[in-house]
Structure formats: C-alpha cells, structure tokens
Amino acid sequence: MDRVFSDRYRLEEQLDETDGAVLFSALDQSFPRKVFITVYSKCDPSFVKLFQSRAQSLAGLSHHHIMSIYDMECIGDTCYLISEYRDCLTLREAIDSDLRFSLEEAMLMSMNIAQAIAHAHQMNVVHGHLTPDSIWLQGRDIKVAFLSPGCFDIWGDAREQDDLLALGKVLKDLFAATPPLYKLEVRSNINEVIDRLLGIREPAYRNAADVAYDLKMIISKDANPLYGGNSGHEEEDTRPYGVTSGEIQALLGTQKKNLIQQSFSKLRSIVMSYFALSMGMLLLGAAASLFMANPDPGTEKLKATIENVPVSVAKAESESSSTITITPTEPIGNLGKGVKATPDLVGLQKASAEQRLLSLGIRYIYYLEPSEYPTGTVFKQLQEPGSQIHPGERVVFYVSSGVQ
C-alpha cells in the first residue's frame, strides 16, 4: 500500500485492523495536522456506493462529541476515510486496562454519548455499531466515532432502536467501572436508565434525546445545590476516583447562574412592588392627617348639611304581616347623644309615643301587629320603663293594628 495518497496524506502508524478495514494515524500535509485514516480494501462496487453515501451523511454531522469527518476518497477497490485525530484511548481500552471512573465522570460521559447519538438521529444518521471501541476518551472529554473498522457490514440494516440497545450495553460497561457502593440513590436512577435502554424495564426508550435529558436531570439533581440533590458539605478527599464537586459545578455553572439571576430578578420585582405600595400608603396617610388637621371650610359646610338630612322611614313586612318602622323623620344631629332613660309608652297613641321619644332624643323601632287594643295604641314595649338607652340603641315598641 502506498504510504502517501492524493499527494496529501502520509500514513504513519497502524492502530487497528479488522476484516477488510485498517485504521492508521496519518499526517495531512496540506495544513499540516494529524488525522485518522480508515482504509477499506477489496471493496466491491455496491460497497463503494454505500461508503460514499455514508461518508457524505457523516460529514454533515457537527457536534462536539462526534468525531469530525474531513474527507473521503475511493481509488479502485480501496476507499479512504479521513477523520479527526485523537491521541487517546478508546473506552474499551480504558476499561480493559483497569482504569476506573468516578460516578460523576461516568454520568457526564454517558450524557455526552447520548447527546451525540441523539444529534445523529436528528440528522437521520444511525451509528449501527456503537461499542466501547467506537468511543474515544481524552481526559473527561469523549468523542464518538461513527465510522470505525468492523462497522461497514451492517450500515444498511441499522435502526435507531439498535443504537439505543447498544447505548444501554455501553453504559452498563461504563458504570461497571465505577465505585459500586457510592451514591446508591444516584446509581439506582442510572440503573433504571440502563434497564429501559436494554428493554428490561418499561417504558423502554424510543429516542436518544430522552435518554440524554434523563441523564442530564440525574446529574443536575446530584451536583447542583439548587436542585437539593447534594448537601454541599462533602469533603473533596472523600470523593473517590478524582473528580471534584467543583469540577461538576463548573460544568453546570451556566445553568446554575441563570437560575440564580432569574430568582434574583423576581425577588427584586417583588421588593420594589412592596416598597412602592408602602410608600403610597404612607403618602396617603400623611395627606389624610393633613386634611383632618386643616379641614376645608367647604367640607365643614357639607358635613353640617349632611347631619341635618332627615332619615327615611324603612318598612318591611314580617311573616306575621307586621310593619316595621325604623327611626323617625328627625334630623340625625338631634338624636342619640348621651344616655337616656326609657319612657313608659304602653297605652299611648303611636303619634304621642313618637313625639315623646323625639323630645328625649331617642331613636326607635315600632311594629304594627294585631291585638285587642284599639288601633294605633302602643300595647307593648321591649325595654322596661326607666332602663338606660345608650347612643346607637333604639327603643322597640308594638302598635296595635286592631283585631283581625
């Protein structure tokens, strides 16, 4: 095989090989930069057509956690795929070398993988061969390779549901490399996600976007104090496998900052509203006090006029057909001042009883009811003669309407 092709790419080191495909590191001499080149040999015409279509679809994917496709070329029965270079381990290599991850690291990685698959599905691209070998790790950052040795034979038959099942298997392997007895409640939530991906638990996931969202919520509730999932008092040296709460907080810092800003804005609006209301009430109270202390002459005149307006007589029919009359047509200013003694009204004519009460400045209510007394005669009163009538109280008496 030529070590240089297209007068641009120089093959350097063989990294992996499967039936019909070899992965090389190479140098792109045009920029220069290092790249991955996957070489597919002895390709029949149908594969070449499928390869070109697949490469064009993958070149349209633009996502931080998906390895970029730079170029592709087919020369005779050999096809070349040029992609982003990563000087790191695959997830399979990391697990096989007994590298262990903190639970927080694994949660972030799993969310990123799910986000990458969700983005591809939104672009109508199915991975078809998602395994730990197609996931590259560089620190805590991951990249999903969508074209890798060994996947070309199943491109045409792959479905989105196959990717979800494969994602469940990847996450199961990933979380098997985390501390088993750390944050059991969080691990229980993760296990539920994995079981739903594998079809062990209902409801099964139907799309990768839901998986990514659920994983994001688990991370948020665990790492962000605004969600109440973490007390925030855990010491850094008690957290196994190196990742710190500060690093997790930094990853979620933007969301936390936005929530705090929104809460502060709402609180400020409430405080300003209460302040404006309080100031308005204070100003209104001050104005009222000033008005009472310095009444307008016109207001005093109006008040005097109101006090001398006669009170209307109100009548209502009771169940016994009695007529109730409340308060005489007497100026308010002359009634109800001071404590009065109730006069004896029984035997008086209604007009005489009213006149006597008015002369004493006493308000009253009388009822017209049938009795053996002559019509218009007071035959009963509620208060005993001589009892005290205080301001605001009324004497109640009953006037005969005759025998019925």
Protein backbone atom coordinates (compact mmCIF):
# COMPACT_ATOMS: atom_id res chain seq x y z
CA MET A 1 0.00 0.00 0.00
CA ASP A 2 1.28 3.46 -0.87
CA ARG A 3 2.30 5.46 2.18
CA VAL A 4 1.06 8.66 0.52
CA PHE A 5 -2.13 9.16 -1.46
CA SER A 6 -3.87 12.14 -3.01
CA ASP A 7 -0.49 13.88 -2.75
CA ARG A 8 -1.63 14.97 0.68
CA TYR A 9 -1.96 12.26 3.32
CA ARG A 10 1.04 10.32 4.62
CA LEU A 11 0.25 7.15 6.55
CA GLU A 12 2.25 6.84 9.76
CA GLU A 13 1.17 4.12 12.20
CA GLN A 14 -1.31 1.27 12.01
CA LEU A 15 -3.58 1.39 15.06
CA ASP A 16 -6.27 -1.24 14.48
CA GLU A 17 -7.32 -3.84 11.96
CA THR A 18 -10.40 -5.95 11.28
CA ASP A 19 -11.57 -7.91 8.28
CA GLY A 20 -11.33 -5.55 5.35
CA ALA A 21 -10.52 -2.36 7.31
CA VAL A 22 -7.37 -0.87 8.82
CA LEU A 23 -7.08 2.23 10.99
CA PHE A 24 -3.98 4.43 10.61
CA SER A 25 -2.71 7.61 12.10
CA ALA A 26 -1.58 9.91 9.32
CA LEU A 27 -0.31 13.38 8.54
CA ASP A 28 -2.35 15.82 6.49
CA GLN A 29 0.49 17.62 4.72
CA SER A 30 -1.71 20.45 3.47
CA PHE A 31 -2.25 22.11 6.85
CA PRO A 32 -0.36 20.17 8.48
CA ARG A 33 -2.26 18.19 11.10
CA LYS A 34 -2.62 14.63 12.29
CA VAL A 35 -5.68 12.68 11.19
CA PHE A 36 -7.16 9.23 11.36
CA ILE A 37 -7.43 7.35 8.08
CA THR A 38 -9.56 4.24 7.84
CA VAL A 39 -8.67 2.18 4.80
CA TYR A 40 -11.23 -0.25 3.36
CA SER A 41 -9.68 -2.72 0.91
CA LYS A 42 -11.10 -5.01 -1.76
CA CYS A 43 -14.38 -3.12 -1.94
CA ASP A 44 -17.00 -4.19 -4.47
CA PRO A 45 -18.97 -1.55 -6.40
CA SER A 46 -22.02 -1.80 -4.09
CA PHE A 47 -19.85 -1.16 -1.05
CA VAL A 48 -18.15 1.80 -2.72
CA LYS A 49 -21.55 3.36 -3.39
CA LEU A 50 -22.68 2.73 0.19
CA PHE A 51 -19.39 4.04 1.57
CA GLN A 52 -19.62 7.29 -0.38
CA SER A 53 -23.23 7.86 0.70
CA ARG A 54 -22.38 7.10 4.33
CA ALA A 55 -19.35 9.39 4.36
CA GLN A 56 -21.34 12.27 2.91
CA SER A 57 -24.02 11.85 5.60
CA LEU A 58 -21.44 11.77 8.38
CA ALA A 59 -19.69 14.85 7.04
CA GLY A 60 -22.90 16.75 7.76
CA LEU A 61 -22.74 15.96 11.48
CA SER A 62 -21.43 18.83 13.59
CA HIS A 63 -21.32 18.05 17.29
CA HIS A 64 -18.66 18.44 19.95
CA HIS A 65 -18.90 14.78 20.94
CA ILE A 66 -18.85 13.35 17.40
CA MET A 67 -15.54 12.84 15.61
CA SER A 68 -15.48 15.05 12.52
CA ILE A 69 -15.18 13.63 9.01
CA TYR A 70 -12.73 15.66 6.92
CA ASP A 71 -12.54 13.87 3.60
CA MET A 72 -13.06 10.59 1.75
CA GLU A 73 -11.77 9.08 -1.45
CA CYS A 74 -12.13 5.83 -3.35
CA ILE A 75 -9.30 4.65 -5.62
CA GLY A 76 -10.07 1.43 -7.44
CA ASP A 77 -11.33 -1.08 -4.89
CA THR A 78 -9.84 0.84 -1.93
CA CYS A 79 -11.71 3.51 0.00
CA TYR A 80 -10.15 6.02 2.38
CA LEU A 81 -11.97 7.89 5.15
CA ILE A 82 -10.13 10.82 6.77
CA SER A 83 -11.40 11.87 10.19
CA GLU A 84 -10.46 13.83 13.29
CA TYR A 85 -7.43 12.55 15.18
CA ARG A 86 -7.48 11.72 18.88
CA ASP A 87 -4.30 10.82 20.74
CA CYS A 88 -6.05 8.86 23.46
CA LEU A 89 -7.61 5.56 24.46
CA THR A 90 -10.93 4.10 23.44
CA LEU A 91 -13.42 3.34 26.19
CA ARG A 92 -12.76 -0.37 25.67
CA GLU A 93 -9.01 0.11 26.08
CA ALA A 94 -9.57 2.16 29.23
CA ILE A 95 -11.84 -0.46 30.80
CA ASP A 96 -9.58 -3.36 29.81
CA SER A 97 -6.59 -1.58 31.36
CA ASP A 98 -8.49 -1.44 34.68
CA LEU A 99 -8.89 2.31 34.50
CA ARG A 100 -11.70 3.32 36.84
CA PHE A 101 -14.03 6.30 36.68
CA SER A 102 -15.81 8.23 39.39
CA LEU A 103 -19.59 8.06 39.29
CA GLU A 104 -19.67 11.75 38.33
CA GLU A 105 -17.28 11.18 35.42
CA ALA A 106 -19.32 8.26 34.16
CA MET A 107 -22.56 10.25 34.36
CA LEU A 108 -21.12 13.11 32.32
CA MET A 109 -19.62 10.74 29.76
CA SER A 110 -22.87 8.80 29.40
CA MET A 111 -24.83 12.02 28.90
CA ASN A 112 -22.36 13.19 26.24
CA ILE A 113 -22.57 9.87 24.39
CA ALA A 114 -26.37 10.01 24.44
CA GLN A 115 -26.30 13.61 23.19
CA ALA A 116 -24.05 12.59 20.30
CA ILE A 117 -26.35 9.74 19.29
CA ALA A 118 -29.41 11.98 19.64
CA HIS A 119 -27.84 14.58 17.34
CA ALA A 120 -27.04 11.95 14.73
CA HIS A 121 -30.57 10.57 14.84
CA GLN A 122 -31.97 14.06 14.37
CA MET A 123 -29.87 14.24 11.19
CA ASN A 124 -31.24 10.83 10.10
CA VAL A 125 -27.89 9.13 10.69
CA VAL A 126 -27.75 5.82 12.56
CA HIS A 127 -24.47 4.69 14.09
CA GLY A 128 -25.09 0.99 13.62
CA HIS A 129 -22.02 -0.21 15.52
CA LEU A 130 -21.87 1.66 18.83
CA THR A 131 -19.46 -0.11 21.16
CA PRO A 132 -16.80 0.95 23.68
CA ASP A 133 -14.33 0.61 20.77
CA SER A 134 -16.01 3.47 18.89
CA ILE A 135 -15.82 5.90 21.83
CA TRP A 136 -12.60 7.81 22.34
CA LEU A 137 -11.58 9.33 25.67
CA GLN A 138 -9.34 12.32 26.19
CA GLY A 139 -9.39 13.27 29.83
CA ARG A 140 -13.06 13.63 30.67
CA ASP A 141 -13.97 14.55 27.11
CA ILE A 142 -15.38 11.91 24.78
CA LYS A 143 -15.78 11.59 21.03
CA VAL A 144 -17.99 9.07 19.27
CA ALA A 145 -16.58 7.70 16.02
CA PHE A 146 -19.32 6.88 13.52
CA LEU A 147 -17.04 5.10 11.06
CA SER A 148 -14.70 2.55 12.52
CA PRO A 149 -13.26 -0.78 11.41
CA GLY A 150 -15.83 -3.52 11.63
CA CYS A 151 -18.98 -1.47 11.13
CA PHE A 152 -19.23 -1.33 7.35
CA ASP A 153 -21.02 -4.66 7.01
CA ILE A 154 -24.19 -3.58 8.87
CA TRP A 155 -24.73 0.03 7.73
CA GLY A 156 -27.67 -0.72 5.51
CA ASP A 157 -29.68 -2.64 8.13
CA ALA A 158 -29.07 -0.49 11.23
CA ARG A 159 -32.02 1.16 13.01
CA GLU A 160 -32.24 3.82 15.70
CA GLN A 161 -33.54 1.23 18.15
CA ASP A 162 -30.34 -0.77 17.58
CA ASP A 163 -28.34 2.29 18.65
CA LEU A 164 -30.40 2.58 21.85
CA LEU A 165 -29.82 -1.06 22.71
CA ALA A 166 -26.10 -0.63 22.01
CA LEU A 167 -26.06 2.52 24.14
CA GLY A 168 -27.50 0.54 27.04
CA LYS A 169 -24.70 -2.02 26.73
CA VAL A 170 -22.06 0.72 26.57
CA LEU A 171 -23.43 2.41 29.69
CA LYS A 172 -23.58 -0.90 31.51
CA ASP A 173 -19.87 -1.48 30.82
CA LEU A 174 -19.05 2.12 31.73
CA PHE A 175 -20.80 2.12 35.11
CA ALA A 176 -19.36 -1.29 35.93
CA ALA A 177 -16.03 0.58 36.11
CA THR A 178 -17.27 2.96 38.85
CA PRO A 179 -17.40 2.57 42.66
CA PRO A 180 -20.29 0.16 43.37
CA LEU A 181 -21.29 1.48 46.82
CA TYR A 182 -21.11 5.21 46.19
CA LYS A 183 -24.28 7.32 46.00
CA LEU A 184 -26.65 4.39 45.84
CA GLU A 185 -29.70 6.52 45.07
CA VAL A 186 -27.98 8.06 42.04
CA ARG A 187 -26.78 4.65 40.92
CA SER A 188 -30.33 3.34 41.21
CA ASN A 189 -31.51 6.08 38.84
CA ILE A 190 -28.71 5.24 36.40
CA ASN A 191 -29.61 1.55 36.53
CA GLU A 192 -33.19 2.44 35.66
CA VAL A 193 -31.99 4.31 32.56
CA ILE A 194 -29.84 1.33 31.51
CA ASP A 195 -32.67 -1.15 32.08
CA ARG A 196 -35.02 0.94 29.95
CA LEU A 197 -32.43 1.05 27.17
CA LEU A 198 -31.98 -2.71 27.31
CA GLY A 199 -35.73 -3.31 27.35
CA ILE A 200 -35.63 -4.86 30.83
CA ARG A 201 -37.88 -2.19 32.33
CA GLU A 202 -40.85 -0.33 30.93
CA PRO A 203 -41.32 2.12 29.42
CA ALA A 204 -38.48 1.45 27.02
CA TYR A 205 -36.77 4.46 25.49
CA ARG A 206 -37.89 5.43 21.99
CA ASN A 207 -35.26 8.04 21.22
CA ALA A 208 -31.80 9.06 22.38
CA ALA A 209 -32.86 12.62 23.18
CA ASP A 210 -34.98 11.33 26.09
CA VAL A 211 -32.01 9.35 27.38
CA ALA A 212 -29.77 12.42 27.26
CA TYR A 213 -32.39 14.51 29.04
CA ASP A 214 -32.90 11.97 31.84
CA LEU A 215 -29.15 11.66 32.38
CA LYS A 216 -28.84 15.44 32.49
CA MET A 217 -31.55 15.62 35.16
CA ILE A 218 -29.79 12.96 37.25
CA ILE A 219 -26.55 14.94 37.03
CA SER A 220 -28.29 18.21 37.87
CA LYS A 221 -30.06 16.86 40.92
CA ASP A 222 -26.87 15.23 42.18
CA ALA A 223 -24.40 18.05 41.59
CA ASN A 224 -26.37 21.30 41.68
CA PRO A 225 -27.44 22.53 45.15
CA LEU A 226 -30.36 24.42 43.58
CA TYR A 227 -31.97 21.04 42.95
CA GLY A 228 -31.48 19.91 46.55
CA GLY A 229 -29.71 16.74 45.50
CA ASN A 230 -26.40 17.40 47.23
CA SER A 231 -25.80 18.86 50.67
CA GLY A 232 -22.66 20.63 49.51
CA HIS A 233 -20.78 19.66 52.69
CA GLU A 234 -18.98 16.63 51.28
CA GLU A 235 -15.21 16.90 51.60
CA GLU A 236 -13.24 16.64 48.38
CA ASP A 237 -10.90 13.92 49.65
CA THR A 238 -13.85 11.62 50.36
CA ARG A 239 -14.90 11.61 46.72
CA PRO A 240 -13.32 8.56 45.04
CA TYR A 241 -11.50 8.46 41.73
CA GLY A 242 -10.53 12.06 41.48
CA VAL A 243 -13.39 14.15 40.12
CA THR A 244 -14.32 17.01 42.46
CA SER A 245 -17.63 18.66 43.12
CA GLY A 246 -16.06 21.93 41.96
CA GLU A 247 -15.45 20.48 38.52
CA ILE A 248 -19.00 19.20 38.30
CA GLN A 249 -20.30 22.58 39.45
CA ALA A 250 -18.24 24.28 36.74
CA LEU A 251 -19.81 22.09 34.09
CA LEU A 252 -23.26 23.06 35.32
CA GLY A 253 -22.32 26.62 36.23
CA THR A 254 -24.15 28.31 33.39
CA GLN A 255 -27.46 26.68 34.29
CA LYS A 256 -26.99 27.50 37.97
CA LYS A 257 -26.07 31.11 37.19
CA ASN A 258 -29.17 31.55 35.05
CA LEU A 259 -31.41 30.16 37.79
CA ILE A 260 -29.88 32.49 40.38
CA GLN A 261 -30.26 35.50 38.10
CA GLN A 262 -33.90 34.66 37.39
CA SER A 263 -34.63 34.20 41.11
CA PHE A 264 -32.91 37.49 41.97
CA SER A 265 -34.87 39.36 39.29
CA LYS A 266 -38.17 38.02 40.62
CA LEU A 267 -37.21 38.86 44.20
CA ARG A 268 -36.20 42.38 43.20
CA SER A 269 -39.53 42.91 41.42
CA ILE A 270 -41.45 41.76 44.49
CA VAL A 271 -39.43 44.00 46.83
CA MET A 272 -39.88 47.02 44.56
CA SER A 273 -43.63 46.40 44.36
CA TYR A 274 -43.95 46.22 48.14
CA PHE A 275 -41.80 49.32 48.52
CA ALA A 276 -43.96 51.28 46.08
CA LEU A 277 -47.13 50.11 47.83
CA SER A 278 -45.76 51.04 51.26
CA MET A 279 -44.70 54.49 50.10
CA GLY A 280 -48.12 55.05 48.55
CA MET A 281 -49.86 54.13 51.80
CA LEU A 282 -47.56 56.40 53.81
CA LEU A 283 -48.22 59.33 51.49
CA LEU A 284 -51.95 58.67 51.59
CA GLY A 285 -51.91 58.54 55.39
CA ALA A 286 -49.95 61.78 55.59
CA ALA A 287 -52.39 63.50 53.25
CA ALA A 288 -55.36 62.27 55.27
CA SER A 289 -53.80 63.52 58.52
CA LEU A 290 -53.13 66.91 56.98
CA PHE A 291 -56.68 67.08 55.70
CA MET A 292 -58.17 66.23 59.10
CA ALA A 293 -55.95 68.75 60.85
CA ASN A 294 -56.86 71.54 58.41
CA PRO A 295 -60.38 70.87 57.13
CA ASP A 296 -61.58 72.87 54.20
CA PRO A 297 -64.41 75.33 55.06
CA GLY A 298 -66.48 73.92 52.22
CA THR A 299 -66.12 70.44 53.69
CA GLU A 300 -67.35 71.61 57.10
CA LYS A 301 -70.39 73.16 55.46
CA LEU A 302 -71.13 69.93 53.60
CA LYS A 303 -70.81 67.93 56.83
CA ALA A 304 -73.31 70.20 58.59
CA THR A 305 -75.72 69.80 55.70
CA ILE A 306 -75.47 66.01 55.84
CA GLU A 307 -76.15 65.95 59.58
CA ASN A 308 -79.46 67.71 59.02
CA VAL A 309 -80.70 65.42 56.25
CA PRO A 310 -83.80 63.56 57.52
CA VAL A 311 -83.51 59.79 57.78
CA SER A 312 -86.01 57.95 55.64
CA VAL A 313 -88.54 55.59 57.17
CA ALA A 314 -87.92 51.96 56.22
CA LYS A 315 -90.79 49.47 56.33
CA ALA A 316 -90.83 45.71 55.81
CA GLU A 317 -93.46 43.03 56.04
CA SER A 318 -92.70 40.24 58.53
CA GLU A 319 -94.17 36.74 58.43
CA SER A 320 -96.95 37.94 60.75
CA SER A 321 -97.72 40.79 58.34
CA SER A 322 -96.32 43.28 60.87
CA THR A 323 -94.99 46.57 59.59
CA ILE A 324 -91.56 47.57 60.93
CA THR A 325 -90.71 51.25 61.03
CA ILE A 326 -87.11 52.23 61.77
CA THR A 327 -86.19 55.70 63.03
CA PRO A 328 -88.42 58.77 62.64
CA THR A 329 -88.05 61.63 60.20
CA GLU A 330 -85.92 63.54 62.67
CA PRO A 331 -82.57 65.24 61.98
CA ILE A 332 -79.66 62.96 62.90
CA GLY A 333 -77.87 65.73 64.73
CA ASN A 334 -80.60 65.86 67.43
CA LEU A 335 -80.67 62.13 68.18
CA GLY A 336 -78.62 59.55 70.05
CA LYS A 337 -76.46 61.87 72.17
CA GLY A 338 -75.84 60.75 75.74
CA VAL A 339 -77.51 58.04 77.88
CA LYS A 340 -81.30 58.29 78.08
CA ALA A 341 -83.96 56.73 80.31
CA THR A 342 -86.64 54.70 78.54
CA PRO A 343 -90.09 56.30 78.97
CA ASP A 344 -93.29 54.33 79.62
CA LEU A 345 -95.07 54.13 76.25
CA VAL A 346 -97.78 51.50 76.81
CA GLY A 347 -101.28 52.95 76.38
CA LEU A 348 -100.13 55.95 74.37
CA GLN A 349 -101.17 56.54 70.81
CA LYS A 350 -98.42 55.93 68.29
CA ALA A 351 -98.08 59.62 67.46
CA SER A 352 -97.81 60.53 71.14
CA ALA A 353 -95.22 57.81 71.75
CA GLU A 354 -93.14 59.02 68.82
CA GLN A 355 -93.36 62.63 69.97
CA ARG A 356 -92.26 61.69 73.47
CA LEU A 357 -89.24 59.71 72.21
CA LEU A 358 -88.27 62.51 69.85
CA SER A 359 -88.42 65.05 72.62
CA LEU A 360 -85.96 62.91 74.59
CA GLY A 361 -83.69 62.40 71.54
CA ILE A 362 -84.22 58.61 71.47
CA ARG A 363 -84.26 56.54 68.29
CA TYR A 364 -86.88 53.85 68.00
CA ILE A 365 -88.41 50.98 66.03
CA TYR A 366 -92.08 50.06 66.17
CA TYR A 367 -94.07 47.10 64.86
CA LEU A 368 -97.71 47.08 63.76
CA GLU A 369 -99.33 43.88 64.98
CA PRO A 370 -102.92 42.71 65.56
CA SER A 371 -104.12 42.96 69.18
CA GLU A 372 -107.21 43.60 71.32
CA TYR A 373 -106.00 47.15 71.95
CA PRO A 374 -107.55 49.97 69.96
CA THR A 375 -105.95 50.61 66.62
CA GLY A 376 -102.90 52.87 66.87
CA THR A 377 -102.34 52.22 70.59
CA VAL A 378 -98.95 51.10 71.97
CA PHE A 379 -99.67 47.80 73.71
CA LYS A 380 -96.12 46.57 74.44
CA GLN A 381 -92.52 47.79 74.60
CA LEU A 382 -89.30 45.78 74.64
CA GLN A 383 -87.29 47.84 77.16
CA GLU A 384 -88.54 48.31 80.69
CA PRO A 385 -89.53 51.88 81.59
CA GLY A 386 -86.56 53.64 83.21
CA SER A 387 -83.92 51.37 81.63
CA GLN A 388 -80.93 53.09 80.05
CA ILE A 389 -80.65 53.65 76.29
CA HIS A 390 -77.09 54.24 75.12
CA PRO A 391 -76.06 56.10 71.95
CA GLY A 392 -76.81 53.97 68.91
CA GLU A 393 -79.51 51.90 70.65
CA ARG A 394 -83.24 52.09 69.83
CA VAL A 395 -86.39 51.66 71.84
CA VAL A 396 -88.62 48.95 70.39
CA PHE A 397 -92.40 49.12 70.83
CA TYR A 398 -95.50 47.49 69.34
CA VAL A 399 -98.56 49.33 67.97
CA SER A 400 -101.96 47.66 67.65
CA SER A 401 -103.38 47.28 64.16
CA GLY A 402 -106.73 46.19 65.60
CA VAL A 403 -108.44 42.83 66.00
CA GLN A 404 -108.24 40.56 62.94
